[in-house]
Amino acid sequence: GRFVLAVVELHAARPNLHRILFEEADHPPRVHACVLRFEEALAHAL
């Protein structure tokens, strides 16, 4: 519950920026690699 709340708050803090960065802008391999590191770190802790 605390994890879900935190994710929602992070997304809601700057929703327009989040949409532009992760929906509108192109995602070269470098960004995909960064997203993968992000998910791996969280999944390992969980």
ModelCIF file with pLDDT and N, C-alpha, C, O atoms, coordinates in Angstrom:
data_MODEL
#
_entry.id   MODEL 
#
_entity.id                         1 
_entity.type                       polymer 
_entity.pdbx_number_of_molecules   1 
#
_entity_poly.entity_id                      1 
_entity_poly.type                           'polypeptide(L)' 
_entity_poly.nstd_linkage                   no 
_entity_poly.nstd_monomer                   no 
_entity_poly.pdbx_seq_one_letter_code       GRFVLAVVELHAARPNLHRILFEEADHPPRVHACVLRFEEALAHAL 
_entity_poly.pdbx_seq_one_letter_code_can   GRFVLAVVELHAARPNLHRILFEEADHPPRVHACVLRFEEALAHAL 
_entity_poly.pdbx_strand_id                 A 
#
loop_
_entity_poly_seq.entity_id 
_entity_poly_seq.num 
_entity_poly_seq.mon_id 
_entity_poly_seq.hetero 
1 1  GLY n 
1 2  ARG n 
1 3  PHE n 
1 4  VAL n 
1 5  LEU n 
1 6  ALA n 
1 7  VAL n 
1 8  VAL n 
1 9  GLU n 
1 10 LEU n 
1 11 HIS n 
1 12 ALA n 
1 13 ALA n 
1 14 ARG n 
1 15 PRO n 
1 16 ASN n 
1 17 LEU n 
1 18 HIS n 
1 19 ARG n 
1 20 ILE n 
1 21 LEU n 
1 22 PHE n 
1 23 GLU n 
1 24 GLU n 
1 25 ALA n 
1 26 ASP n 
1 27 HIS n 
1 28 PRO n 
1 29 PRO n 
1 30 ARG n 
1 31 VAL n 
1 32 HIS n 
1 33 ALA n 
1 34 CYS n 
1 35 VAL n 
1 36 LEU n 
1 37 ARG n 
1 38 PHE n 
1 39 GLU n 
1 40 GLU n 
1 41 ALA n 
1 42 LEU n 
1 43 ALA n 
1 44 HIS n 
1 45 ALA n 
1 46 LEU n 
#
_struct_asym.id          A 
_struct_asym.entity_id   1 
#
loop_
_ma_qa_metric.id 
_ma_qa_metric.mode 
_ma_qa_metric.name 
_ma_qa_metric.software_group_id 
_ma_qa_metric.type 
1 global pLDDT . pLDDT 
2 local  pLDDT . pLDDT 
#
_ma_qa_metric_global.metric_id      1 
_ma_qa_metric_global.metric_value   90.70 
_ma_qa_metric_global.model_id       1 
_ma_qa_metric_global.ordinal_id     1 
#
loop_
_ma_qa_metric_local.label_asym_id 
_ma_qa_metric_local.label_comp_id 
_ma_qa_metric_local.label_seq_id 
_ma_qa_metric_local.metric_id 
_ma_qa_metric_local.metric_value 
_ma_qa_metric_local.model_id 
_ma_qa_metric_local.ordinal_id 
A GLY 1  2 97.00 1 1  
A ARG 2  2 96.00 1 2  
A PHE 3  2 97.00 1 3  
A VAL 4  2 98.00 1 4  
A LEU 5  2 97.00 1 5  
A ALA 6  2 97.00 1 6  
A VAL 7  2 97.00 1 7  
A VAL 8  2 97.00 1 8  
A GLU 9  2 97.00 1 9  
A LEU 10 2 95.00 1 10 
A HIS 11 2 94.00 1 11 
A ALA 12 2 95.00 1 12 
A ALA 13 2 93.00 1 13 
A ARG 14 2 91.00 1 14 
A PRO 15 2 92.00 1 15 
A ASN 16 2 90.00 1 16 
A LEU 17 2 90.00 1 17 
A HIS 18 2 89.00 1 18 
A ARG 19 2 89.00 1 19 
A ILE 20 2 89.00 1 20 
A LEU 21 2 88.00 1 21 
A PHE 22 2 86.00 1 22 
A GLU 23 2 86.00 1 23 
A GLU 24 2 84.00 1 24 
A ALA 25 2 80.00 1 25 
A ASP 26 2 76.00 1 26 
A HIS 27 2 72.00 1 27 
A PRO 28 2 74.00 1 28 
A PRO 29 2 81.00 1 29 
A ARG 30 2 82.00 1 30 
A VAL 31 2 84.00 1 31 
A HIS 32 2 85.00 1 32 
A ALA 33 2 88.00 1 33 
A CYS 34 2 88.00 1 34 
A VAL 35 2 89.00 1 35 
A LEU 36 2 91.00 1 36 
A ARG 37 2 93.00 1 37 
A PHE 38 2 94.00 1 38 
A GLU 39 2 95.00 1 39 
A GLU 40 2 96.00 1 40 
A ALA 41 2 96.00 1 41 
A LEU 42 2 97.00 1 42 
A ALA 43 2 97.00 1 43 
A HIS 44 2 97.00 1 44 
A ALA 45 2 96.00 1 45 
A LEU 46 2 97.00 1 46 
#
loop_
_atom_site.group_PDB 
_atom_site.id 
_atom_site.type_symbol 
_atom_site.label_atom_id 
_atom_site.label_alt_id 
_atom_site.label_comp_id 
_atom_site.label_asym_id 
_atom_site.label_entity_id 
_atom_site.label_seq_id 
_atom_site.pdbx_PDB_ins_code 
_atom_site.Cartn_x 
_atom_site.Cartn_y 
_atom_site.Cartn_z 
_atom_site.occupancy 
_atom_site.B_iso_or_equiv 
_atom_site.pdbx_formal_charge 
_atom_site.auth_seq_id 
_atom_site.auth_comp_id 
_atom_site.auth_asym_id 
_atom_site.auth_atom_id 
_atom_site.pdbx_PDB_model_num 
ATOM 1   N N  . GLY A 1 1  ? 0.821  -1.210 0.000   1.00 97.00 ? 1  GLY A N  1 
ATOM 2   C CA . GLY A 1 1  ? 0.000  0.000  0.000   1.00 97.00 ? 1  GLY A CA 1 
ATOM 3   C C  . GLY A 1 1  ? 0.852  1.255  0.000   1.00 97.00 ? 1  GLY A C  1 
ATOM 4   O O  . GLY A 1 1  ? 0.537  2.218  -0.699  1.00 97.00 ? 1  GLY A O  1 
ATOM 5   N N  . ARG A 1 2  ? 1.918  1.256  0.769   1.00 96.00 ? 2  ARG A N  1 
ATOM 6   C CA . ARG A 1 2  ? 2.809  2.420  0.783   1.00 96.00 ? 2  ARG A CA 1 
ATOM 7   C C  . ARG A 1 2  ? 3.538  2.556  -0.548  1.00 96.00 ? 2  ARG A C  1 
ATOM 8   O O  . ARG A 1 2  ? 3.798  3.666  -1.012  1.00 96.00 ? 2  ARG A O  1 
ATOM 9   N N  . PHE A 1 3  ? 3.865  1.419  -1.157  1.00 97.00 ? 3  PHE A N  1 
ATOM 10  C CA . PHE A 1 3  ? 4.537  1.435  -2.460  1.00 97.00 ? 3  PHE A CA 1 
ATOM 11  C C  . PHE A 1 3  ? 3.611  2.014  -3.538  1.00 97.00 ? 3  PHE A C  1 
ATOM 12  O O  . PHE A 1 3  ? 4.024  2.873  -4.317  1.00 97.00 ? 3  PHE A O  1 
ATOM 13  N N  . VAL A 1 4  ? 2.384  1.549  -3.578  1.00 98.00 ? 4  VAL A N  1 
ATOM 14  C CA . VAL A 1 4  ? 1.415  2.050  -4.564  1.00 98.00 ? 4  VAL A CA 1 
ATOM 15  C C  . VAL A 1 4  ? 1.189  3.546  -4.365  1.00 98.00 ? 4  VAL A C  1 
ATOM 16  O O  . VAL A 1 4  ? 1.177  4.307  -5.333  1.00 98.00 ? 4  VAL A O  1 
ATOM 17  N N  . LEU A 1 5  ? 1.012  3.964  -3.127  1.00 97.00 ? 5  LEU A N  1 
ATOM 18  C CA . LEU A 1 5  ? 0.806  5.380  -2.828  1.00 97.00 ? 5  LEU A CA 1 
ATOM 19  C C  . LEU A 1 5  ? 1.985  6.210  -3.319  1.00 97.00 ? 5  LEU A C  1 
ATOM 20  O O  . LEU A 1 5  ? 1.791  7.260  -3.931  1.00 97.00 ? 5  LEU A O  1 
ATOM 21  N N  . ALA A 1 6  ? 3.190  5.754  -3.059  1.00 97.00 ? 6  ALA A N  1 
ATOM 22  C CA . ALA A 1 6  ? 4.383  6.506  -3.462  1.00 97.00 ? 6  ALA A CA 1 
ATOM 23  C C  . ALA A 1 6  ? 4.484  6.609  -4.981  1.00 97.00 ? 6  ALA A C  1 
ATOM 24  O O  . ALA A 1 6  ? 4.827  7.667  -5.507  1.00 97.00 ? 6  ALA A O  1 
ATOM 25  N N  . VAL A 1 7  ? 4.188  5.516  -5.689  1.00 97.00 ? 7  VAL A N  1 
ATOM 26  C CA . VAL A 1 7  ? 4.249  5.546  -7.154  1.00 97.00 ? 7  VAL A CA 1 
ATOM 27  C C  . VAL A 1 7  ? 3.223  6.533  -7.703  1.00 97.00 ? 7  VAL A C  1 
ATOM 28  O O  . VAL A 1 7  ? 3.525  7.297  -8.620  1.00 97.00 ? 7  VAL A O  1 
ATOM 29  N N  . VAL A 1 8  ? 2.024  6.521  -7.151  1.00 97.00 ? 8  VAL A N  1 
ATOM 30  C CA . VAL A 1 8  ? 0.984  7.460  -7.587  1.00 97.00 ? 8  VAL A CA 1 
ATOM 31  C C  . VAL A 1 8  ? 1.424  8.902  -7.341  1.00 97.00 ? 8  VAL A C  1 
ATOM 32  O O  . VAL A 1 8  ? 1.257  9.760  -8.208  1.00 97.00 ? 8  VAL A O  1 
ATOM 33  N N  . GLU A 1 9  ? 1.981  9.166  -6.174  1.00 97.00 ? 9  GLU A N  1 
ATOM 34  C CA . GLU A 1 9  ? 2.416  10.524 -5.844  1.00 97.00 ? 9  GLU A CA 1 
ATOM 35  C C  . GLU A 1 9  ? 3.535  10.991 -6.768  1.00 97.00 ? 9  GLU A C  1 
ATOM 36  O O  . GLU A 1 9  ? 3.558  12.153 -7.173  1.00 97.00 ? 9  GLU A O  1 
ATOM 37  N N  . LEU A 1 10 ? 4.458  10.102 -7.103  1.00 95.00 ? 10 LEU A N  1 
ATOM 38  C CA . LEU A 1 10 ? 5.552  10.471 -8.000  1.00 95.00 ? 10 LEU A CA 1 
ATOM 39  C C  . LEU A 1 10 ? 5.024  10.781 -9.397  1.00 95.00 ? 10 LEU A C  1 
ATOM 40  O O  . LEU A 1 10 ? 5.480  11.726 -10.040 1.00 95.00 ? 10 LEU A O  1 
ATOM 41  N N  . HIS A 1 11 ? 4.072  9.994  -9.862  1.00 94.00 ? 11 HIS A N  1 
ATOM 42  C CA . HIS A 1 11 ? 3.492  10.250 -11.179 1.00 94.00 ? 11 HIS A CA 1 
ATOM 43  C C  . HIS A 1 11 ? 2.671  11.529 -11.187 1.00 94.00 ? 11 HIS A C  1 
ATOM 44  O O  . HIS A 1 11 ? 2.651  12.263 -12.175 1.00 94.00 ? 11 HIS A O  1 
ATOM 45  N N  . ALA A 1 12 ? 1.990  11.787 -10.069 1.00 95.00 ? 12 ALA A N  1 
ATOM 46  C CA . ALA A 1 12 ? 1.100  12.940 -10.005 1.00 95.00 ? 12 ALA A CA 1 
ATOM 47  C C  . ALA A 1 12 ? 1.831  14.251 -9.738  1.00 95.00 ? 12 ALA A C  1 
ATOM 48  O O  . ALA A 1 12 ? 1.267  15.327 -9.934  1.00 95.00 ? 12 ALA A O  1 
ATOM 49  N N  . ALA A 1 13 ? 3.074  14.167 -9.297  1.00 93.00 ? 13 ALA A N  1 
ATOM 50  C CA . ALA A 1 13 ? 3.820  15.389 -8.974  1.00 93.00 ? 13 ALA A CA 1 
ATOM 51  C C  . ALA A 1 13 ? 4.008  16.264 -10.203 1.00 93.00 ? 13 ALA A C  1 
ATOM 52  O O  . ALA A 1 13 ? 3.835  17.481 -10.129 1.00 93.00 ? 13 ALA A O  1 
ATOM 53  N N  . ARG A 1 14 ? 4.360  15.656 -11.337 1.00 91.00 ? 14 ARG A N  1 
ATOM 54  C CA . ARG A 1 14 ? 4.556  16.391 -12.591 1.00 91.00 ? 14 ARG A CA 1 
ATOM 55  C C  . ARG A 1 14 ? 4.015  15.532 -13.738 1.00 91.00 ? 14 ARG A C  1 
ATOM 56  O O  . ARG A 1 14 ? 4.788  15.024 -14.551 1.00 91.00 ? 14 ARG A O  1 
ATOM 57  N N  . PRO A 1 15 ? 2.707  15.373 -13.803 1.00 92.00 ? 15 PRO A N  1 
ATOM 58  C CA . PRO A 1 15 ? 2.119  14.454 -14.785 1.00 92.00 ? 15 PRO A CA 1 
ATOM 59  C C  . PRO A 1 15 ? 2.404  14.821 -16.234 1.00 92.00 ? 15 PRO A C  1 
ATOM 60  O O  . PRO A 1 15 ? 2.635  13.933 -17.055 1.00 92.00 ? 15 PRO A O  1 
ATOM 61  N N  . ASN A 1 16 ? 2.392  16.106 -16.565 1.00 90.00 ? 16 ASN A N  1 
ATOM 62  C CA . ASN A 1 16 ? 2.660  16.499 -17.950 1.00 90.00 ? 16 ASN A CA 1 
ATOM 63  C C  . ASN A 1 16 ? 4.079  16.142 -18.367 1.00 90.00 ? 16 ASN A C  1 
ATOM 64  O O  . ASN A 1 16 ? 4.311  15.663 -19.478 1.00 90.00 ? 16 ASN A O  1 
ATOM 65  N N  . LEU A 1 17 ? 5.021  16.378 -17.470 1.00 90.00 ? 17 LEU A N  1 
ATOM 66  C CA . LEU A 1 17 ? 6.414  16.037 -17.774 1.00 90.00 ? 17 LEU A CA 1 
ATOM 67  C C  . LEU A 1 17 ? 6.562  14.529 -17.929 1.00 90.00 ? 17 LEU A C  1 
ATOM 68  O O  . LEU A 1 17 ? 7.250  14.057 -18.834 1.00 90.00 ? 17 LEU A O  1 
ATOM 69  N N  . HIS A 1 18 ? 5.919  13.778 -17.050 1.00 89.00 ? 18 HIS A N  1 
ATOM 70  C CA . HIS A 1 18 ? 6.006  12.322 -17.119 1.00 89.00 ? 18 HIS A CA 1 
ATOM 71  C C  . HIS A 1 18 ? 5.427  11.811 -18.432 1.00 89.00 ? 18 HIS A C  1 
ATOM 72  O O  . HIS A 1 18 ? 5.987  10.905 -19.049 1.00 89.00 ? 18 HIS A O  1 
ATOM 73  N N  . ARG A 1 19 ? 4.324  12.380 -18.855 1.00 89.00 ? 19 ARG A N  1 
ATOM 74  C CA . ARG A 1 19 ? 3.705  11.959 -20.118 1.00 89.00 ? 19 ARG A CA 1 
ATOM 75  C C  . ARG A 1 19 ? 4.628  12.257 -21.308 1.00 89.00 ? 19 ARG A C  1 
ATOM 76  O O  . ARG A 1 19 ? 4.788  11.427 -22.203 1.00 89.00 ? 19 ARG A O  1 
ATOM 77  N N  . ILE A 1 20 ? 5.221  13.434 -21.302 1.00 89.00 ? 20 ILE A N  1 
ATOM 78  C CA . ILE A 1 20 ? 6.098  13.821 -22.409 1.00 89.00 ? 20 ILE A CA 1 
ATOM 79  C C  . ILE A 1 20 ? 7.334  12.935 -22.464 1.00 89.00 ? 20 ILE A C  1 
ATOM 80  O O  . ILE A 1 20 ? 7.726  12.476 -23.537 1.00 89.00 ? 20 ILE A O  1 
ATOM 81  N N  . LEU A 1 21 ? 7.949  12.695 -21.312 1.00 88.00 ? 21 LEU A N  1 
ATOM 82  C CA . LEU A 1 21 ? 9.184  11.921 -21.282 1.00 88.00 ? 21 LEU A CA 1 
ATOM 83  C C  . LEU A 1 21 ? 8.974  10.459 -21.649 1.00 88.00 ? 21 LEU A C  1 
ATOM 84  O O  . LEU A 1 21 ? 9.816  9.856  -22.316 1.00 88.00 ? 21 LEU A O  1 
ATOM 85  N N  . PHE A 1 22 ? 7.851  9.887  -21.216 1.00 86.00 ? 22 PHE A N  1 
ATOM 86  C CA . PHE A 1 22 ? 7.680  8.451  -21.377 1.00 86.00 ? 22 PHE A CA 1 
ATOM 87  C C  . PHE A 1 22 ? 6.565  8.050  -22.336 1.00 86.00 ? 22 PHE A C  1 
ATOM 88  O O  . PHE A 1 22 ? 6.259  6.865  -22.475 1.00 86.00 ? 22 PHE A O  1 
ATOM 89  N N  . GLU A 1 23 ? 5.956  9.033  -22.998 1.00 86.00 ? 23 GLU A N  1 
ATOM 90  C CA . GLU A 1 23 ? 4.971  8.717  -24.029 1.00 86.00 ? 23 GLU A CA 1 
ATOM 91  C C  . GLU A 1 23 ? 5.286  9.444  -25.336 1.00 86.00 ? 23 GLU A C  1 
ATOM 92  O O  . GLU A 1 23 ? 5.370  8.816  -26.391 1.00 86.00 ? 23 GLU A O  1 
ATOM 93  N N  . GLU A 1 24 ? 5.459  10.756 -25.271 1.00 84.00 ? 24 GLU A N  1 
ATOM 94  C CA . GLU A 1 24 ? 5.628  11.540 -26.490 1.00 84.00 ? 24 GLU A CA 1 
ATOM 95  C C  . GLU A 1 24 ? 7.029  11.438 -27.079 1.00 84.00 ? 24 GLU A C  1 
ATOM 96  O O  . GLU A 1 24 ? 7.184  11.271 -28.289 1.00 84.00 ? 24 GLU A O  1 
ATOM 97  N N  . ALA A 1 25 ? 8.036  11.536 -26.243 1.00 80.00 ? 25 ALA A N  1 
ATOM 98  C CA . ALA A 1 25 ? 9.416  11.537 -26.735 1.00 80.00 ? 25 ALA A CA 1 
ATOM 99  C C  . ALA A 1 25 ? 9.832  10.145 -27.190 1.00 80.00 ? 25 ALA A C  1 
ATOM 100 O O  . ALA A 1 25 ? 9.347  9.135  -26.679 1.00 80.00 ? 25 ALA A O  1 
ATOM 101 N N  . ASP A 1 26 ? 10.746 10.113 -28.166 1.00 76.00 ? 26 ASP A N  1 
ATOM 102 C CA . ASP A 1 26 ? 11.278 8.839  -28.626 1.00 76.00 ? 26 ASP A CA 1 
ATOM 103 C C  . ASP A 1 26 ? 12.109 8.190  -27.523 1.00 76.00 ? 26 ASP A C  1 
ATOM 104 O O  . ASP A 1 26 ? 12.696 8.876  -26.686 1.00 76.00 ? 26 ASP A O  1 
ATOM 105 N N  . HIS A 1 27 ? 12.150 6.864  -27.536 1.00 72.00 ? 27 HIS A N  1 
ATOM 106 C CA . HIS A 1 27 ? 12.891 6.129  -26.524 1.00 72.00 ? 27 HIS A CA 1 
ATOM 107 C C  . HIS A 1 27 ? 14.029 5.347  -27.172 1.00 72.00 ? 27 HIS A C  1 
ATOM 108 O O  . HIS A 1 27 ? 13.826 4.210  -27.599 1.00 72.00 ? 27 HIS A O  1 
ATOM 109 N N  . PRO A 1 28 ? 15.211 5.928  -27.253 1.00 74.00 ? 28 PRO A N  1 
ATOM 110 C CA . PRO A 1 28 ? 16.370 5.193  -27.777 1.00 74.00 ? 28 PRO A CA 1 
ATOM 111 C C  . PRO A 1 28 ? 16.793 4.113  -26.790 1.00 74.00 ? 28 PRO A C  1 
ATOM 112 O O  . PRO A 1 28 ? 16.322 4.112  -25.653 1.00 74.00 ? 28 PRO A O  1 
ATOM 113 N N  . PRO A 1 29 ? 17.669 3.195  -27.192 1.00 81.00 ? 29 PRO A N  1 
ATOM 114 C CA . PRO A 1 29 ? 18.106 2.116  -26.305 1.00 81.00 ? 29 PRO A CA 1 
ATOM 115 C C  . PRO A 1 29 ? 18.613 2.601  -24.947 1.00 81.00 ? 29 PRO A C  1 
ATOM 116 O O  . PRO A 1 29 ? 18.461 1.907  -23.941 1.00 81.00 ? 29 PRO A O  1 
ATOM 117 N N  . ARG A 1 30 ? 19.206 3.773  -24.918 1.00 82.00 ? 30 ARG A N  1 
ATOM 118 C CA . ARG A 1 30 ? 19.747 4.275  -23.653 1.00 82.00 ? 30 ARG A CA 1 
ATOM 119 C C  . ARG A 1 30 ? 18.652 4.496  -22.617 1.00 82.00 ? 30 ARG A C  1 
ATOM 120 O O  . ARG A 1 30 ? 18.849 4.210  -21.436 1.00 82.00 ? 30 ARG A O  1 
ATOM 121 N N  . VAL A 1 31 ? 17.499 5.005  -23.050 1.00 84.00 ? 31 VAL A N  1 
ATOM 122 C CA . VAL A 1 31 ? 16.390 5.210  -22.123 1.00 84.00 ? 31 VAL A CA 1 
ATOM 123 C C  . VAL A 1 31 ? 15.803 3.863  -21.700 1.00 84.00 ? 31 VAL A C  1 
ATOM 124 O O  . VAL A 1 31 ? 15.484 3.667  -20.528 1.00 84.00 ? 31 VAL A O  1 
ATOM 125 N N  . HIS A 1 32 ? 15.661 2.944  -22.642 1.00 85.00 ? 32 HIS A N  1 
ATOM 126 C CA . HIS A 1 32 ? 15.154 1.612  -22.302 1.00 85.00 ? 32 HIS A CA 1 
ATOM 127 C C  . HIS A 1 32 ? 16.054 0.946  -21.267 1.00 85.00 ? 32 HIS A C  1 
ATOM 128 O O  . HIS A 1 32 ? 15.560 0.295  -20.346 1.00 85.00 ? 32 HIS A O  1 
ATOM 129 N N  . ALA A 1 33 ? 17.357 1.100  -21.408 1.00 88.00 ? 33 ALA A N  1 
ATOM 130 C CA . ALA A 1 33 ? 18.293 0.517  -20.453 1.00 88.00 ? 33 ALA A CA 1 
ATOM 131 C C  . ALA A 1 33 ? 18.127 1.143  -19.072 1.00 88.00 ? 33 ALA A C  1 
ATOM 132 O O  . ALA A 1 33 ? 18.235 0.459  -18.054 1.00 88.00 ? 33 ALA A O  1 
ATOM 133 N N  . CYS A 1 34 ? 17.866 2.440  -19.045 1.00 88.00 ? 34 CYS A N  1 
ATOM 134 C CA . CYS A 1 34 ? 17.669 3.133  -17.776 1.00 88.00 ? 34 CYS A CA 1 
ATOM 135 C C  . CYS A 1 34 ? 16.385 2.655  -17.095 1.00 88.00 ? 34 CYS A C  1 
ATOM 136 O O  . CYS A 1 34 ? 16.356 2.446  -15.883 1.00 88.00 ? 34 CYS A O  1 
ATOM 137 N N  . VAL A 1 35 ? 15.330 2.486  -17.886 1.00 89.00 ? 35 VAL A N  1 
ATOM 138 C CA . VAL A 1 35 ? 14.065 1.974  -17.347 1.00 89.00 ? 35 VAL A CA 1 
ATOM 139 C C  . VAL A 1 35 ? 14.260 0.568  -16.802 1.00 89.00 ? 35 VAL A C  1 
ATOM 140 O O  . VAL A 1 35 ? 13.723 0.232  -15.746 1.00 89.00 ? 35 VAL A O  1 
ATOM 141 N N  . LEU A 1 36 ? 15.021 -0.252 -17.507 1.00 91.00 ? 36 LEU A N  1 
ATOM 142 C CA . LEU A 1 36 ? 15.279 -1.620 -17.058 1.00 91.00 ? 36 LEU A CA 1 
ATOM 143 C C  . LEU A 1 36 ? 16.036 -1.622 -15.738 1.00 91.00 ? 36 LEU A C  1 
ATOM 144 O O  . LEU A 1 36 ? 15.704 -2.395 -14.839 1.00 91.00 ? 36 LEU A O  1 
ATOM 145 N N  . ARG A 1 37 ? 17.049 -0.768 -15.608 1.00 93.00 ? 37 ARG A N  1 
ATOM 146 C CA . ARG A 1 37 ? 17.789 -0.680 -14.340 1.00 93.00 ? 37 ARG A CA 1 
ATOM 147 C C  . ARG A 1 37 ? 16.868 -0.242 -13.211 1.00 93.00 ? 37 ARG A C  1 
ATOM 148 O O  . ARG A 1 37 ? 16.959 -0.743 -12.091 1.00 93.00 ? 37 ARG A O  1 
ATOM 149 N N  . PHE A 1 38 ? 15.988 0.690  -13.516 1.00 94.00 ? 38 PHE A N  1 
ATOM 150 C CA . PHE A 1 38 ? 15.012 1.181  -12.542 1.00 94.00 ? 38 PHE A CA 1 
ATOM 151 C C  . PHE A 1 38 ? 14.134 0.037  -12.042 1.00 94.00 ? 38 PHE A C  1 
ATOM 152 O O  . PHE A 1 38 ? 13.970 -0.139 -10.834 1.00 94.00 ? 38 PHE A O  1 
ATOM 153 N N  . GLU A 1 39 ? 13.573 -0.736 -12.962 1.00 95.00 ? 39 GLU A N  1 
ATOM 154 C CA . GLU A 1 39 ? 12.678 -1.830 -12.588 1.00 95.00 ? 39 GLU A CA 1 
ATOM 155 C C  . GLU A 1 39 ? 13.430 -2.940 -11.869 1.00 95.00 ? 39 GLU A C  1 
ATOM 156 O O  . GLU A 1 39 ? 12.914 -3.516 -10.911 1.00 95.00 ? 39 GLU A O  1 
ATOM 157 N N  . GLU A 1 40 ? 14.638 -3.246 -12.317 1.00 96.00 ? 40 GLU A N  1 
ATOM 158 C CA . GLU A 1 40 ? 15.416 -4.314 -11.697 1.00 96.00 ? 40 GLU A CA 1 
ATOM 159 C C  . GLU A 1 40 ? 15.764 -3.976 -10.255 1.00 96.00 ? 40 GLU A C  1 
ATOM 160 O O  . GLU A 1 40 ? 15.696 -4.842 -9.382  1.00 96.00 ? 40 GLU A O  1 
ATOM 161 N N  . ALA A 1 41 ? 16.134 -2.731 -9.998  1.00 96.00 ? 41 ALA A N  1 
ATOM 162 C CA . ALA A 1 41 ? 16.496 -2.326 -8.642  1.00 96.00 ? 41 ALA A CA 1 
ATOM 163 C C  . ALA A 1 41 ? 15.298 -2.456 -7.697  1.00 96.00 ? 41 ALA A C  1 
ATOM 164 O O  . ALA A 1 41 ? 15.429 -2.959 -6.581  1.00 96.00 ? 41 ALA A O  1 
ATOM 165 N N  . LEU A 1 42 ? 14.139 -1.999 -8.155  1.00 97.00 ? 42 LEU A N  1 
ATOM 166 C CA . LEU A 1 42 ? 12.940 -2.085 -7.320  1.00 97.00 ? 42 LEU A CA 1 
ATOM 167 C C  . LEU A 1 42 ? 12.508 -3.531 -7.118  1.00 97.00 ? 42 LEU A C  1 
ATOM 168 O O  . LEU A 1 42 ? 12.147 -3.926 -6.010  1.00 97.00 ? 42 LEU A O  1 
ATOM 169 N N  . ALA A 1 43 ? 12.545 -4.317 -8.184  1.00 97.00 ? 43 ALA A N  1 
ATOM 170 C CA . ALA A 1 43 ? 12.122 -5.716 -8.082  1.00 97.00 ? 43 ALA A CA 1 
ATOM 171 C C  . ALA A 1 43 ? 13.046 -6.504 -7.160  1.00 97.00 ? 43 ALA A C  1 
ATOM 172 O O  . ALA A 1 43 ? 12.582 -7.358 -6.405  1.00 97.00 ? 43 ALA A O  1 
ATOM 173 N N  . HIS A 1 44 ? 14.334 -6.229 -7.214  1.00 97.00 ? 44 HIS A N  1 
ATOM 174 C CA . HIS A 1 44 ? 15.288 -6.921 -6.347  1.00 97.00 ? 44 HIS A CA 1 
ATOM 175 C C  . HIS A 1 44 ? 14.990 -6.616 -4.881  1.00 97.00 ? 44 HIS A C  1 
ATOM 176 O O  . HIS A 1 44 ? 15.016 -7.513 -4.038  1.00 97.00 ? 44 HIS A O  1 
ATOM 177 N N  . ALA A 1 45 ? 14.707 -5.343 -4.578  1.00 96.00 ? 45 ALA A N  1 
ATOM 178 C CA . ALA A 1 45 ? 14.393 -4.964 -3.202  1.00 96.00 ? 45 ALA A CA 1 
ATOM 179 C C  . ALA A 1 45 ? 13.082 -5.594 -2.751  1.00 96.00 ? 45 ALA A C  1 
ATOM 180 O O  . ALA A 1 45 ? 12.974 -6.074 -1.623  1.00 96.00 ? 45 ALA A O  1 
ATOM 181 N N  . LEU A 1 46 ? 12.092 -5.593 -3.627  1.00 97.00 ? 46 LEU A N  1 
ATOM 182 C CA . LEU A 1 46 ? 10.797 -6.166 -3.271  1.00 97.00 ? 46 LEU A CA 1 
ATOM 183 C C  . LEU A 1 46 ? 10.893 -7.668 -3.096  1.00 97.00 ? 46 LEU A C  1 
ATOM 184 O O  . LEU A 1 46 ? 9.894  -8.320 -2.794  1.00 97.00 ? 46 LEU A O  1 
#
